[in-house]
């Protein structure tokens, strides 16, 4: 159904015009890259302006509800941080001494747009957890956005060049048996699903899909194989989990629960459906109230009722924004929850 909808929207918007909101969301990955490449010194000013009264008025004109706060930028990209700590982004086939000694413990961290530009602390936490477990983490040079904003906004035709670029870039790693591990569920699962239909090179897309994993899938499989062996602190405490819709549909909550339990958390799962944000759906003025009502069905009451020392876990960035917006609790990504209990 999702594929039919994506294809339908492409044809519909070609006939009826693309809404400004969809156009803006589709341009975000490109604008993010342009900002940090050409004017990184302006990032603090841009952050100030993004949620100013003037900006809210402008964004309201193109369909963003004025009550919504737009995501701000990190002070530096994940790529800059990664390079600055003495690591390098490595092309397929190149190895550092550590990876040559333990080739089976190399991973490619697929640093999605959010992790690279907005929530770099999550990407940093991912590197920390993987390295604590003995893995050599690499970032691939020149990766593009997975294309999710374009796919959901009726611009699948525009996403195709990004798809082909990422397949060409990442398939050589996958072909060596090096796992591609994701941070944002929707992004890594796009590599596993839509890429198979959109990619020009179906064979390489399949190789990539077969070696792409959510963080928890990778962690649980490697833990069961005896390879994921960090030192965990004792008494991690309680964790209350909201499962991301895309993740639940394609993978399920089981690996997320297993990952949290492996780190020592006592886990409870909220019996919720969608958080109500549904990607960028909840940002739109016409959908704001529906978005709130969906979350109020089960999710928000469960979060509000949670004890203060309970860690609220939601791996989807849209889920975290939605929960933070309508409750007074700030959820964390699974990876952040894991990083909190890594023994130094």
C-alpha atoms as a PDB file:
ATOM      1  CA  UNK A   1       0.000   0.000   0.000  1.00  0.00           C
ATOM      2  CA  UNK A   2       2.821   2.417   0.859  1.00  0.00           C
ATOM      3  CA  UNK A   3       4.449   1.766  -2.517  1.00  0.00           C
ATOM      4  CA  UNK A   4       1.168   2.318  -4.339  1.00  0.00           C
ATOM      5  CA  UNK A   5       0.656   5.570  -2.451  1.00  0.00           C
ATOM      6  CA  UNK A   6       4.173   6.800  -3.258  1.00  0.00           C
ATOM      7  CA  UNK A   7       3.680   6.088  -6.959  1.00  0.00           C
ATOM      8  CA  UNK A   8       0.217   7.655  -6.950  1.00  0.00           C
ATOM      9  CA  UNK A   9       1.498  10.847  -5.322  1.00  0.00           C
ATOM     10  CA  UNK A  10       4.201  11.248  -7.964  1.00  0.00           C
ATOM     11  CA  UNK A  11       1.591  11.238 -10.722  1.00  0.00           C
ATOM     12  CA  UNK A  12      -0.908  13.308  -8.717  1.00  0.00           C
ATOM     13  CA  UNK A  13       1.545  16.097  -7.951  1.00  0.00           C
ATOM     14  CA  UNK A  14       2.797  16.153 -11.530  1.00  0.00           C
ATOM     15  CA  UNK A  15      -0.762  16.900 -12.596  1.00  0.00           C
ATOM     16  CA  UNK A  16      -1.766  19.190  -9.734  1.00  0.00           C
ATOM     17  CA  UNK A  17       1.472  20.774  -8.563  1.00  0.00           C
ATOM     18  CA  UNK A  18       3.689  19.985  -5.588  1.00  0.00           C
ATOM     19  CA  UNK A  19       2.674  21.683  -2.298  1.00  0.00           C
ATOM     20  CA  UNK A  20       5.255  24.058  -0.853  1.00  0.00           C
ATOM     21  CA  UNK A  21       5.384  21.998   2.344  1.00  0.00           C
ATOM     22  CA  UNK A  22       6.388  18.854   0.436  1.00  0.00           C
ATOM     23  CA  UNK A  23       8.896  20.828  -1.594  1.00  0.00           C
ATOM     24  CA  UNK A  24      10.484  22.239   1.573  1.00  0.00           C
ATOM     25  CA  UNK A  25      10.742  18.839   3.270  1.00  0.00           C
ATOM     26  CA  UNK A  26      12.279  17.323   0.161  1.00  0.00           C
ATOM     27  CA  UNK A  27      14.879  20.083  -0.022  1.00  0.00           C
ATOM     28  CA  UNK A  28      15.966  19.840   3.627  1.00  0.00           C
ATOM     29  CA  UNK A  29      18.820  17.339   3.137  1.00  0.00           C
ATOM     30  CA  UNK A  30      20.269  19.474   0.341  1.00  0.00           C
ATOM     31  CA  UNK A  31      19.862  22.703   2.313  1.00  0.00           C
ATOM     32  CA  UNK A  32      21.481  21.119   5.382  1.00  0.00           C
ATOM     33  CA  UNK A  33      24.535  20.104   3.395  1.00  0.00           C
ATOM     34  CA  UNK A  34      24.741  23.519   1.731  1.00  0.00           C
ATOM     35  CA  UNK A  35      24.598  25.352   5.070  1.00  0.00           C
ATOM     36  CA  UNK A  36      27.409  23.373   6.677  1.00  0.00           C
ATOM     37  CA  UNK A  37      29.544  23.402   3.538  1.00  0.00           C
ATOM     38  CA  UNK A  38      29.304  27.103   2.712  1.00  0.00           C
ATOM     39  CA  UNK A  39      28.403  28.935   5.924  1.00  0.00           C
ATOM     40  CA  UNK A  40      28.871  26.846   9.093  1.00  0.00           C
ATOM     41  CA  UNK A  41      29.491  30.024  11.094  1.00  0.00           C
ATOM     42  CA  UNK A  42      25.861  30.990  10.471  1.00  0.00           C
ATOM     43  CA  UNK A  43      24.451  27.884  12.186  1.00  0.00           C
ATOM     44  CA  UNK A  44      23.810  29.628  15.566  1.00  0.00           C
ATOM     45  CA  UNK A  45      21.998  32.468  13.780  1.00  0.00           C
ATOM     46  CA  UNK A  46      19.942  30.022  11.716  1.00  0.00           C
ATOM     47  CA  UNK A  47      18.969  28.165  14.897  1.00  0.00           C
ATOM     48  CA  UNK A  48      17.811  31.425  16.473  1.00  0.00           C
ATOM     49  CA  UNK A  49      15.782  32.359  13.416  1.00  0.00           C
ATOM     50  CA  UNK A  50      14.207  28.926  12.871  1.00  0.00           C
ATOM     51  CA  UNK A  51      11.812  29.227  15.779  1.00  0.00           C
ATOM     52  CA  UNK A  52      11.430  33.001  15.860  1.00  0.00           C
ATOM     53  CA  UNK A  53       8.012  34.601  15.522  1.00  0.00           C
ATOM     54  CA  UNK A  54       8.886  35.749  12.016  1.00  0.00           C
ATOM     55  CA  UNK A  55       9.941  32.263  10.904  1.00  0.00           C
ATOM     56  CA  UNK A  56       6.825  30.696  12.387  1.00  0.00           C
ATOM     57  CA  UNK A  57       4.697  33.161  10.433  1.00  0.00           C
ATOM     58  CA  UNK A  58       6.520  32.308   7.218  1.00  0.00           C
ATOM     59  CA  UNK A  59       6.372  28.555   7.806  1.00  0.00           C
ATOM     60  CA  UNK A  60       2.683  28.786   8.671  1.00  0.00           C
ATOM     61  CA  UNK A  61       2.093  30.152   5.176  1.00  0.00           C
ATOM     62  CA  UNK A  62       3.480  26.947   3.692  1.00  0.00           C
ATOM     63  CA  UNK A  63       1.563  24.665   6.012  1.00  0.00           C
ATOM     64  CA  UNK A  64       3.568  24.202   9.229  1.00  0.00           C
ATOM     65  CA  UNK A  65       1.509  24.538  12.406  1.00  0.00           C
ATOM     66  CA  UNK A  66       2.797  27.531  14.440  1.00  0.00           C
ATOM     67  CA  UNK A  67       2.853  25.525  17.671  1.00  0.00           C
ATOM     68  CA  UNK A  68       5.514  23.236  16.266  1.00  0.00           C
ATOM     69  CA  UNK A  69       9.175  23.911  16.975  1.00  0.00           C
ATOM     70  CA  UNK A  70      11.431  23.086  14.055  1.00  0.00           C
ATOM     71  CA  UNK A  71      14.518  20.923  14.664  1.00  0.00           C
ATOM     72  CA  UNK A  72      17.665  22.956  15.192  1.00  0.00           C
ATOM     73  CA  UNK A  73      21.169  22.208  13.968  1.00  0.00           C
ATOM     74  CA  UNK A  74      24.097  20.828  15.913  1.00  0.00           C
ATOM     75  CA  UNK A  75      27.211  22.974  16.244  1.00  0.00           C
ATOM     76  CA  UNK A  76      29.110  20.607  13.951  1.00  0.00           C
ATOM     77  CA  UNK A  77      28.215  17.643  11.784  1.00  0.00           C
ATOM     78  CA  UNK A  78      28.778  14.081  12.887  1.00  0.00           C
ATOM     79  CA  UNK A  79      31.256  13.752  10.025  1.00  0.00           C
ATOM     80  CA  UNK A  80      33.287  16.703  11.343  1.00  0.00           C
ATOM     81  CA  UNK A  81      33.275  15.299  14.860  1.00  0.00           C
ATOM     82  CA  UNK A  82      34.274  11.860  13.601  1.00  0.00           C
ATOM     83  CA  UNK A  83      37.174  13.210  11.552  1.00  0.00           C
ATOM     84  CA  UNK A  84      38.272  15.498  14.377  1.00  0.00           C
ATOM     85  CA  UNK A  85      38.662  12.638  16.835  1.00  0.00           C
ATOM     86  CA  UNK A  86      41.382  11.067  14.719  1.00  0.00           C
ATOM     87  CA  UNK A  87      39.225   8.679  12.711  1.00  0.00           C
ATOM     88  CA  UNK A  88      38.794   8.937   8.964  1.00  0.00           C
ATOM     89  CA  UNK A  89      35.935   8.158   6.648  1.00  0.00           C
ATOM     90  CA  UNK A  90      37.198   5.117   4.782  1.00  0.00           C
ATOM     91  CA  UNK A  91      36.385   4.110   1.239  1.00  0.00           C
ATOM     92  CA  UNK A  92      35.594   0.487   0.382  1.00  0.00           C
ATOM     93  CA  UNK A  93      38.669  -1.711   0.408  1.00  0.00           C
ATOM     94  CA  UNK A  94      40.792   0.598   2.581  1.00  0.00           C
ATOM     95  CA  UNK A  95      41.680  -0.572   6.070  1.00  0.00           C
ATOM     96  CA  UNK A  96      43.321   0.848   9.120  1.00  0.00           C
ATOM     97  CA  UNK A  97      45.566  -1.321  11.295  1.00  0.00           C
ATOM     98  CA  UNK A  98      42.790  -2.103  13.726  1.00  0.00           C
ATOM     99  CA  UNK A  99      40.347  -3.251  11.058  1.00  0.00           C
ATOM    100  CA  UNK A 100      43.041  -5.363   9.413  1.00  0.00           C
ATOM    101  CA  UNK A 101      43.568  -7.172  12.716  1.00  0.00           C
ATOM    102  CA  UNK A 102      39.850  -7.760  13.240  1.00  0.00           C
ATOM    103  CA  UNK A 103      38.190  -7.681   9.814  1.00  0.00           C
ATOM    104  CA  UNK A 104      35.089  -9.431  11.132  1.00  0.00           C
ATOM    105  CA  UNK A 105      34.485  -6.560  13.545  1.00  0.00           C
ATOM    106  CA  UNK A 106      34.210  -3.721  11.042  1.00  0.00           C
ATOM    107  CA  UNK A 107      30.928  -1.869  10.652  1.00  0.00           C
ATOM    108  CA  UNK A 108      29.720   0.964   8.457  1.00  0.00           C
ATOM    109  CA  UNK A 109      27.565   3.363  10.452  1.00  0.00           C
ATOM    110  CA  UNK A 110      24.932   4.824   8.120  1.00  0.00           C
ATOM    111  CA  UNK A 111      24.790   8.357   9.475  1.00  0.00           C
ATOM    112  CA  UNK A 112      21.414   9.609   8.298  1.00  0.00           C
ATOM    113  CA  UNK A 113      20.570  13.265   7.755  1.00  0.00           C
ATOM    114  CA  UNK A 114      19.230  13.765  11.284  1.00  0.00           C
ATOM    115  CA  UNK A 115      22.257  12.144  12.904  1.00  0.00           C
ATOM    116  CA  UNK A 116      24.678  14.124  10.765  1.00  0.00           C
ATOM    117  CA  UNK A 117      23.184  17.610  11.050  1.00  0.00           C
ATOM    118  CA  UNK A 118      20.669  17.787  13.897  1.00  0.00           C
ATOM    119  CA  UNK A 119      21.162  15.065  16.500  1.00  0.00           C
ATOM    120  CA  UNK A 120      24.868  14.369  16.312  1.00  0.00           C
ATOM    121  CA  UNK A 121      24.877  13.266  19.943  1.00  0.00           C
ATOM    122  CA  UNK A 122      23.029  10.119  18.862  1.00  0.00           C
ATOM    123  CA  UNK A 123      25.606   9.336  16.196  1.00  0.00           C
ATOM    124  CA  UNK A 124      28.376   9.951  18.720  1.00  0.00           C
ATOM    125  CA  UNK A 125      26.661   7.586  21.149  1.00  0.00           C
ATOM    126  CA  UNK A 126      26.454   4.944  18.415  1.00  0.00           C
ATOM    127  CA  UNK A 127      30.190   5.188  17.782  1.00  0.00           C
ATOM    128  CA  UNK A 128      30.876   4.963  21.501  1.00  0.00           C
ATOM    129  CA  UNK A 129      28.728   1.858  22.008  1.00  0.00           C
ATOM    130  CA  UNK A 130      30.107   0.059  18.958  1.00  0.00           C
ATOM    131  CA  UNK A 131      33.700   0.834  19.874  1.00  0.00           C
ATOM    132  CA  UNK A 132      33.102  -0.257  23.469  1.00  0.00           C
ATOM    133  CA  UNK A 133      31.931  -3.573  22.040  1.00  0.00           C
ATOM    134  CA  UNK A 134      35.159  -3.908  20.069  1.00  0.00           C
ATOM    135  CA  UNK A 135      34.085  -2.790  16.592  1.00  0.00           C
ATOM    136  CA  UNK A 136      35.975  -0.587  14.179  1.00  0.00           C
ATOM    137  CA  UNK A 137      33.454   2.019  13.054  1.00  0.00           C
ATOM    138  CA  UNK A 138      33.642   3.650   9.641  1.00  0.00           C
ATOM    139  CA  UNK A 139      31.647   6.329   7.903  1.00  0.00           C
ATOM    140  CA  UNK A 140      31.386   6.103   4.113  1.00  0.00           C
ATOM    141  CA  UNK A 141      32.457   9.207   2.199  1.00  0.00           C
ATOM    142  CA  UNK A 142      29.787  11.099   0.310  1.00  0.00           C
ATOM    143  CA  UNK A 143      26.633   9.294   1.310  1.00  0.00           C
ATOM    144  CA  UNK A 144      23.382  11.005   0.312  1.00  0.00           C
ATOM    145  CA  UNK A 145      20.117  11.229   2.227  1.00  0.00           C
ATOM    146  CA  UNK A 146      18.308   7.879   2.045  1.00  0.00           C
ATOM    147  CA  UNK A 147      15.516   9.641   0.139  1.00  0.00           C
ATOM    148  CA  UNK A 148      12.778   9.109   2.709  1.00  0.00           C
ATOM    149  CA  UNK A 149      11.567  12.768   2.708  1.00  0.00           C
ATOM    150  CA  UNK A 150      11.184  12.648  -1.069  1.00  0.00           C
ATOM    151  CA  UNK A 151       9.479   9.257  -1.060  1.00  0.00           C
ATOM    152  CA  UNK A 152       6.852  10.244   1.503  1.00  0.00           C
ATOM    153  CA  UNK A 153       6.323  13.620  -0.159  1.00  0.00           C
ATOM    154  CA  UNK A 154       5.397  12.295  -3.577  1.00  0.00           C
ATOM    155  CA  UNK A 155       8.815  12.867  -5.137  1.00  0.00           C
ATOM    156  CA  UNK A 156      10.025   9.301  -5.646  1.00  0.00           C
ATOM    157  CA  UNK A 157      11.342  10.196  -9.087  1.00  0.00           C
ATOM    158  CA  UNK A 158      13.656  12.784  -7.504  1.00  0.00           C
ATOM    159  CA  UNK A 159      14.818  10.270  -4.895  1.00  0.00           C
ATOM    160  CA  UNK A 160      16.099   7.825  -7.495  1.00  0.00           C
ATOM    161  CA  UNK A 161      19.493   9.537  -8.101  1.00  0.00           C
ATOM    162  CA  UNK A 162      20.154   9.440  -4.345  1.00  0.00           C
ATOM    163  CA  UNK A 163      19.154   5.778  -4.256  1.00  0.00           C
ATOM    164  CA  UNK A 164      21.532   4.877  -7.078  1.00  0.00           C
ATOM    165  CA  UNK A 165      24.313   6.920  -5.484  1.00  0.00           C
ATOM    166  CA  UNK A 166      23.978   5.185  -2.115  1.00  0.00           C
ATOM    167  CA  UNK A 167      23.748   1.732  -3.666  1.00  0.00           C
ATOM    168  CA  UNK A 168      26.953   2.361  -5.636  1.00  0.00           C
ATOM    169  CA  UNK A 169      28.663   3.690  -2.512  1.00  0.00           C
ATOM    170  CA  UNK A 170      27.550   1.118   0.053  1.00  0.00           C
ATOM    171  CA  UNK A 171      27.200  -2.107  -1.932  1.00  0.00           C
ATOM    172  CA  UNK A 172      30.998  -2.642  -2.112  1.00  0.00           C
ATOM    173  CA  UNK A 173      31.123  -2.672   1.700  1.00  0.00           C
ATOM    174  CA  UNK A 174      28.156  -5.022   1.860  1.00  0.00           C
ATOM    175  CA  UNK A 175      29.725  -7.251  -0.778  1.00  0.00           C
ATOM    176  CA  UNK A 176      32.691  -7.733   1.573  1.00  0.00           C
ATOM    177  CA  UNK A 177      30.284  -8.848   4.284  1.00  0.00           C
ATOM    178  CA  UNK A 178      30.728  -5.621   6.243  1.00  0.00           C
ATOM    179  CA  UNK A 179      27.418  -4.767   7.942  1.00  0.00           C
ATOM    180  CA  UNK A 180      25.718  -1.426   7.279  1.00  0.00           C
ATOM    181  CA  UNK A 181      24.241  -0.371  10.626  1.00  0.00           C
ATOM    182  CA  UNK A 182      21.609   2.352  10.839  1.00  0.00           C
ATOM    183  CA  UNK A 183      20.554   4.882  13.449  1.00  0.00           C
ATOM    184  CA  UNK A 184      17.172   6.201  12.264  1.00  0.00           C
ATOM    185  CA  UNK A 185      14.808   3.231  11.655  1.00  0.00           C
ATOM    186  CA  UNK A 186      13.049   4.713   8.626  1.00  0.00           C
ATOM    187  CA  UNK A 187      16.337   5.485   6.897  1.00  0.00           C
ATOM    188  CA  UNK A 188      18.034   2.109   7.216  1.00  0.00           C
ATOM    189  CA  UNK A 189      14.786   0.278   6.426  1.00  0.00           C
ATOM    190  CA  UNK A 190      14.398   2.338   3.258  1.00  0.00           C
ATOM    191  CA  UNK A 191      17.678   0.774   2.130  1.00  0.00           C
ATOM    192  CA  UNK A 192      16.122  -2.630   2.753  1.00  0.00           C
ATOM    193  CA  UNK A 193      12.742  -1.989   1.150  1.00  0.00           C
ATOM    194  CA  UNK A 194      12.192   0.816  -1.359  1.00  0.00           C
ATOM    195  CA  UNK A 195      15.741   0.632  -2.708  1.00  0.00           C
ATOM    196  CA  UNK A 196      14.988  -2.813  -4.152  1.00  0.00           C
ATOM    197  CA  UNK A 197      12.358  -1.258  -6.420  1.00  0.00           C
ATOM    198  CA  UNK A 198      13.948   2.117  -7.120  1.00  0.00           C
ATOM    199  CA  UNK A 199      17.592   1.218  -7.705  1.00  0.00           C
ATOM    200  CA  UNK A 200      18.820   0.864 -11.264  1.00  0.00           C
ATOM    201  CA  UNK A 201      21.196  -1.917 -10.227  1.00  0.00           C
ATOM    202  CA  UNK A 202      18.854  -4.453  -8.614  1.00  0.00           C
ATOM    203  CA  UNK A 203      21.611  -6.958  -7.888  1.00  0.00           C
ATOM    204  CA  UNK A 204      23.726  -4.512  -5.900  1.00  0.00           C
ATOM    205  CA  UNK A 205      20.634  -3.131  -4.172  1.00  0.00           C
ATOM    206  CA  UNK A 206      19.834  -6.658  -2.985  1.00  0.00           C
ATOM    207  CA  UNK A 207      23.373  -7.117  -1.670  1.00  0.00           C
ATOM    208  CA  UNK A 208      23.015  -3.851   0.244  1.00  0.00           C
ATOM    209  CA  UNK A 209      19.577  -4.775   1.579  1.00  0.00           C
ATOM    210  CA  UNK A 210      20.850  -8.153   2.786  1.00  0.00           C
ATOM    211  CA  UNK A 211      23.592  -6.471   4.819  1.00  0.00           C
ATOM    212  CA  UNK A 212      21.690  -3.469   6.234  1.00  0.00           C
ATOM    213  CA  UNK A 213      20.587  -3.656   9.869  1.00  0.00           C
ATOM    214  CA  UNK A 214      18.900  -1.524  12.465  1.00  0.00           C
ATOM    215  CA  UNK A 215      21.200  -0.905  15.413  1.00  0.00           C
ATOM    216  CA  UNK A 216      19.313  -3.301  17.663  1.00  0.00           C
ATOM    217  CA  UNK A 217      19.145  -6.043  15.041  1.00  0.00           C
ATOM    218  CA  UNK A 218      22.905  -5.889  14.683  1.00  0.00           C
ATOM    219  CA  UNK A 219      23.529  -5.714  18.427  1.00  0.00           C
ATOM    220  CA  UNK A 220      21.260  -8.635  19.290  1.00  0.00           C
ATOM    221  CA  UNK A 221      22.604 -10.882  16.521  1.00  0.00           C
ATOM    222  CA  UNK A 222      26.194 -10.091  17.470  1.00  0.00           C
ATOM    223  CA  UNK A 223      25.444 -10.564  21.177  1.00  0.00           C
ATOM    224  CA  UNK A 224      23.986 -13.998  20.482  1.00  0.00           C
ATOM    225  CA  UNK A 225      27.097 -14.827  18.445  1.00  0.00           C
ATOM    226  CA  UNK A 226      29.307 -13.793  21.369  1.00  0.00           C
ATOM    227  CA  UNK A 227      30.918 -10.876  19.538  1.00  0.00           C
ATOM    228  CA  UNK A 228      29.113  -7.868  21.056  1.00  0.00           C
ATOM    229  CA  UNK A 229      30.696  -7.782  24.505  1.00  0.00           C
ATOM    230  CA  UNK A 230      30.901  -4.327  26.106  1.00  0.00           C
ATOM    231  CA  UNK A 231      31.032  -3.876  29.865  1.00  0.00           C
ATOM    232  CA  UNK A 232      27.658  -2.714  31.151  1.00  0.00           C
ATOM    233  CA  UNK A 233      27.059  -0.824  34.366  1.00  0.00           C
ATOM    234  CA  UNK A 234      24.824  -2.467  36.935  1.00  0.00           C
ATOM    235  CA  UNK A 235      21.322  -1.233  37.786  1.00  0.00           C
ATOM    236  CA  UNK A 236      20.434   0.385  34.471  1.00  0.00           C
ATOM    237  CA  UNK A 237      16.953   1.044  35.806  1.00  0.00           C
ATOM    238  CA  UNK A 238      13.594   1.022  34.073  1.00  0.00           C
ATOM    239  CA  UNK A 239      12.954   1.709  30.404  1.00  0.00           C
ATOM    240  CA  UNK A 240       9.590   2.478  28.826  1.00  0.00           C
ATOM    241  CA  UNK A 241       9.616   1.790  25.096  1.00  0.00           C
ATOM    242  CA  UNK A 242       7.535   3.288  22.301  1.00  0.00           C
ATOM    243  CA  UNK A 243       8.065   1.355  19.085  1.00  0.00           C
ATOM    244  CA  UNK A 244       8.524   3.223  15.815  1.00  0.00           C
ATOM    245  CA  UNK A 245       5.774   2.330  13.292  1.00  0.00           C
ATOM    246  CA  UNK A 246       8.082   1.620  10.360  1.00  0.00           C
ATOM    247  CA  UNK A 247      10.310  -0.470  12.603  1.00  0.00           C
ATOM    248  CA  UNK A 248       7.391  -2.394  14.099  1.00  0.00           C
ATOM    249  CA  UNK A 249       5.981  -3.147  10.657  1.00  0.00           C
ATOM    250  CA  UNK A 250       9.224  -4.485   9.189  1.00  0.00           C
ATOM    251  CA  UNK A 251      11.173  -5.750  12.191  1.00  0.00           C
ATOM    252  CA  UNK A 252       9.030  -5.697  15.339  1.00  0.00           C
ATOM    253  CA  UNK A 253       9.840  -4.545  18.874  1.00  0.00           C
ATOM    254  CA  UNK A 254      11.497  -7.781  19.944  1.00  0.00           C
ATOM    255  CA  UNK A 255      15.070  -6.834  19.080  1.00  0.00           C
ATOM    256  CA  UNK A 256      14.710  -3.413  20.715  1.00  0.00           C
ATOM    257  CA  UNK A 257      13.465  -5.018  23.915  1.00  0.00           C
ATOM    258  CA  UNK A 258      16.250  -7.606  23.763  1.00  0.00           C
ATOM    259  CA  UNK A 259      18.903  -4.912  23.287  1.00  0.00           C
ATOM    260  CA  UNK A 260      17.677  -2.929  26.282  1.00  0.00           C
ATOM    261  CA  UNK A 261      17.501  -6.054  28.434  1.00  0.00           C
ATOM    262  CA  UNK A 262      21.025  -7.039  27.400  1.00  0.00           C
ATOM    263  CA  UNK A 263      22.186  -3.668  28.751  1.00  0.00           C
ATOM    264  CA  UNK A 264      20.434  -4.328  32.055  1.00  0.00           C
ATOM    265  CA  UNK A 265      17.198  -2.366  31.687  1.00  0.00           C
ATOM    266  CA  UNK A 266      13.883  -3.575  33.042  1.00  0.00           C
ATOM    267  CA  UNK A 267      11.765  -2.957  29.957  1.00  0.00           C
ATOM    268  CA  UNK A 268       8.085  -2.185  29.552  1.00  0.00           C
ATOM    269  CA  UNK A 269       6.522  -1.639  26.133  1.00  0.00           C
ATOM    270  CA  UNK A 270       3.774   0.936  25.667  1.00  0.00           C
ATOM    271  CA  UNK A 271       0.879  -0.780  23.812  1.00  0.00           C
ATOM    272  CA  UNK A 272       0.622   2.193  21.484  1.00  0.00           C
ATOM    273  CA  UNK A 273       0.097   2.559  17.784  1.00  0.00           C
ATOM    274  CA  UNK A 274       1.486   5.536  15.907  1.00  0.00           C
ATOM    275  CA  UNK A 275       2.784   8.477  17.941  1.00  0.00           C
ATOM    276  CA  UNK A 276       0.753  10.746  15.668  1.00  0.00           C
ATOM    277  CA  UNK A 277       3.655  12.518  13.999  1.00  0.00           C
ATOM    278  CA  UNK A 278       4.042  10.001  11.160  1.00  0.00           C
ATOM    279  CA  UNK A 279       7.154  11.563   9.666  1.00  0.00           C
ATOM    280  CA  UNK A 280       6.161  15.129   8.789  1.00  0.00           C
ATOM    281  CA  UNK A 281       2.371  14.547   8.933  1.00  0.00           C
ATOM    282  CA  UNK A 282       2.033  16.080  12.392  1.00  0.00           C
ATOM    283  CA  UNK A 283       3.896  19.235  11.398  1.00  0.00           C
ATOM    284  CA  UNK A 284       1.180  20.234   8.966  1.00  0.00           C
ATOM    285  CA  UNK A 285      -1.453  22.665  10.227  1.00  0.00           C
ATOM    286  CA  UNK A 286      -4.318  20.579   8.852  1.00  0.00           C
ATOM    287  CA  UNK A 287      -3.118  17.498  10.730  1.00  0.00           C
ATOM    288  CA  UNK A 288      -1.964  18.971  14.042  1.00  0.00           C
ATOM    289  CA  UNK A 289      -5.081  18.166  16.050  1.00  0.00           C
ATOM    290  CA  UNK A 290      -5.410  14.684  14.578  1.00  0.00           C
ATOM    291  CA  UNK A 291      -1.743  14.152  15.393  1.00  0.00           C
ATOM    292  CA  UNK A 292      -2.363  15.111  19.021  1.00  0.00           C
ATOM    293  CA  UNK A 293      -5.410  12.870  19.360  1.00  0.00           C
ATOM    294  CA  UNK A 294      -3.546   9.857  18.012  1.00  0.00           C
ATOM    295  CA  UNK A 295      -0.827  10.315  20.613  1.00  0.00           C
ATOM    296  CA  UNK A 296      -3.332  10.911  23.405  1.00  0.00           C
ATOM    297  CA  UNK A 297      -4.971   7.553  22.731  1.00  0.00           C
ATOM    298  CA  UNK A 298      -2.336   5.581  24.681  1.00  0.00           C
ATOM    299  CA  UNK A 299       1.152   6.940  24.206  1.00  0.00           C
ATOM    300  CA  UNK A 300       1.074  10.307  25.957  1.00  0.00           C
ATOM    301  CA  UNK A 301      -0.831   9.083  29.054  1.00  0.00           C
ATOM    302  CA  UNK A 302       1.668   6.232  29.478  1.00  0.00           C
ATOM    303  CA  UNK A 303       4.624   8.602  29.210  1.00  0.00           C
ATOM    304  CA  UNK A 304       3.117  11.078  31.674  1.00  0.00           C
ATOM    305  CA  UNK A 305       2.407   8.285  34.148  1.00  0.00           C
ATOM    306  CA  UNK A 306       5.962   6.927  34.041  1.00  0.00           C
ATOM    307  CA  UNK A 307       8.119   7.424  37.116  1.00  0.00           C
ATOM    308  CA  UNK A 308      10.633  10.248  36.915  1.00  0.00           C
ATOM    309  CA  UNK A 309      13.624   7.898  36.885  1.00  0.00           C
ATOM    310  CA  UNK A 310      12.244   5.797  34.024  1.00  0.00           C
ATOM    311  CA  UNK A 311      14.072   6.191  30.716  1.00  0.00           C
ATOM    312  CA  UNK A 312      11.612   6.865  27.893  1.00  0.00           C
ATOM    313  CA  UNK A 313      12.950   5.215  24.736  1.00  0.00           C
ATOM    314  CA  UNK A 314      11.832   6.038  21.192  1.00  0.00           C
ATOM    315  CA  UNK A 315      14.193   5.378  18.291  1.00  0.00           C
ATOM    316  CA  UNK A 316      12.315   7.443  15.690  1.00  0.00           C
ATOM    317  CA  UNK A 317      13.248  11.120  15.567  1.00  0.00           C
ATOM    318  CA  UNK A 318       9.661  12.102  14.728  1.00  0.00           C
ATOM    319  CA  UNK A 319       8.431  10.025  17.683  1.00  0.00           C
ATOM    320  CA  UNK A 320      10.810  11.780  20.061  1.00  0.00           C
ATOM    321  CA  UNK A 321       9.772  15.217  18.820  1.00  0.00           C
ATOM    322  CA  UNK A 322       6.112  14.304  19.180  1.00  0.00           C
ATOM    323  CA  UNK A 323       6.484  12.951  22.712  1.00  0.00           C
ATOM    324  CA  UNK A 324       8.599  15.907  23.780  1.00  0.00           C
ATOM    325  CA  UNK A 325       6.115  18.350  22.265  1.00  0.00           C
ATOM    326  CA  UNK A 326       2.979  17.035  23.956  1.00  0.00           C
ATOM    327  CA  UNK A 327       4.413  15.774  27.247  1.00  0.00           C
ATOM    328  CA  UNK A 328       7.003  17.183  29.612  1.00  0.00           C
ATOM    329  CA  UNK A 329       9.268  14.180  29.164  1.00  0.00           C
ATOM    330  CA  UNK A 330      12.207  14.037  26.784  1.00  0.00           C
ATOM    331  CA  UNK A 331      12.680  10.562  25.302  1.00  0.00           C
ATOM    332  CA  UNK A 332      16.009   9.207  24.104  1.00  0.00           C
ATOM    333  CA  UNK A 333      17.051   6.989  21.228  1.00  0.00           C
ATOM    334  CA  UNK A 334      17.764   3.352  22.053  1.00  0.00           C
ATOM    335  CA  UNK A 335      21.432   4.042  21.311  1.00  0.00           C
ATOM    336  CA  UNK A 336      21.530   6.847  23.889  1.00  0.00           C
ATOM    337  CA  UNK A 337      19.964   4.544  26.470  1.00  0.00           C
ATOM    338  CA  UNK A 338      22.683   1.985  25.748  1.00  0.00           C
ATOM    339  CA  UNK A 339      25.474   4.577  25.902  1.00  0.00           C
ATOM    340  CA  UNK A 340      24.308   5.688  29.353  1.00  0.00           C
ATOM    341  CA  UNK A 341      25.122   2.293  30.831  1.00  0.00           C
ATOM    342  CA  UNK A 342      28.414   1.558  29.063  1.00  0.00           C
ATOM    343  CA  UNK A 343      31.172   1.056  31.619  1.00  0.00           C
ATOM    344  CA  UNK A 344      33.977   3.542  31.006  1.00  0.00           C
END
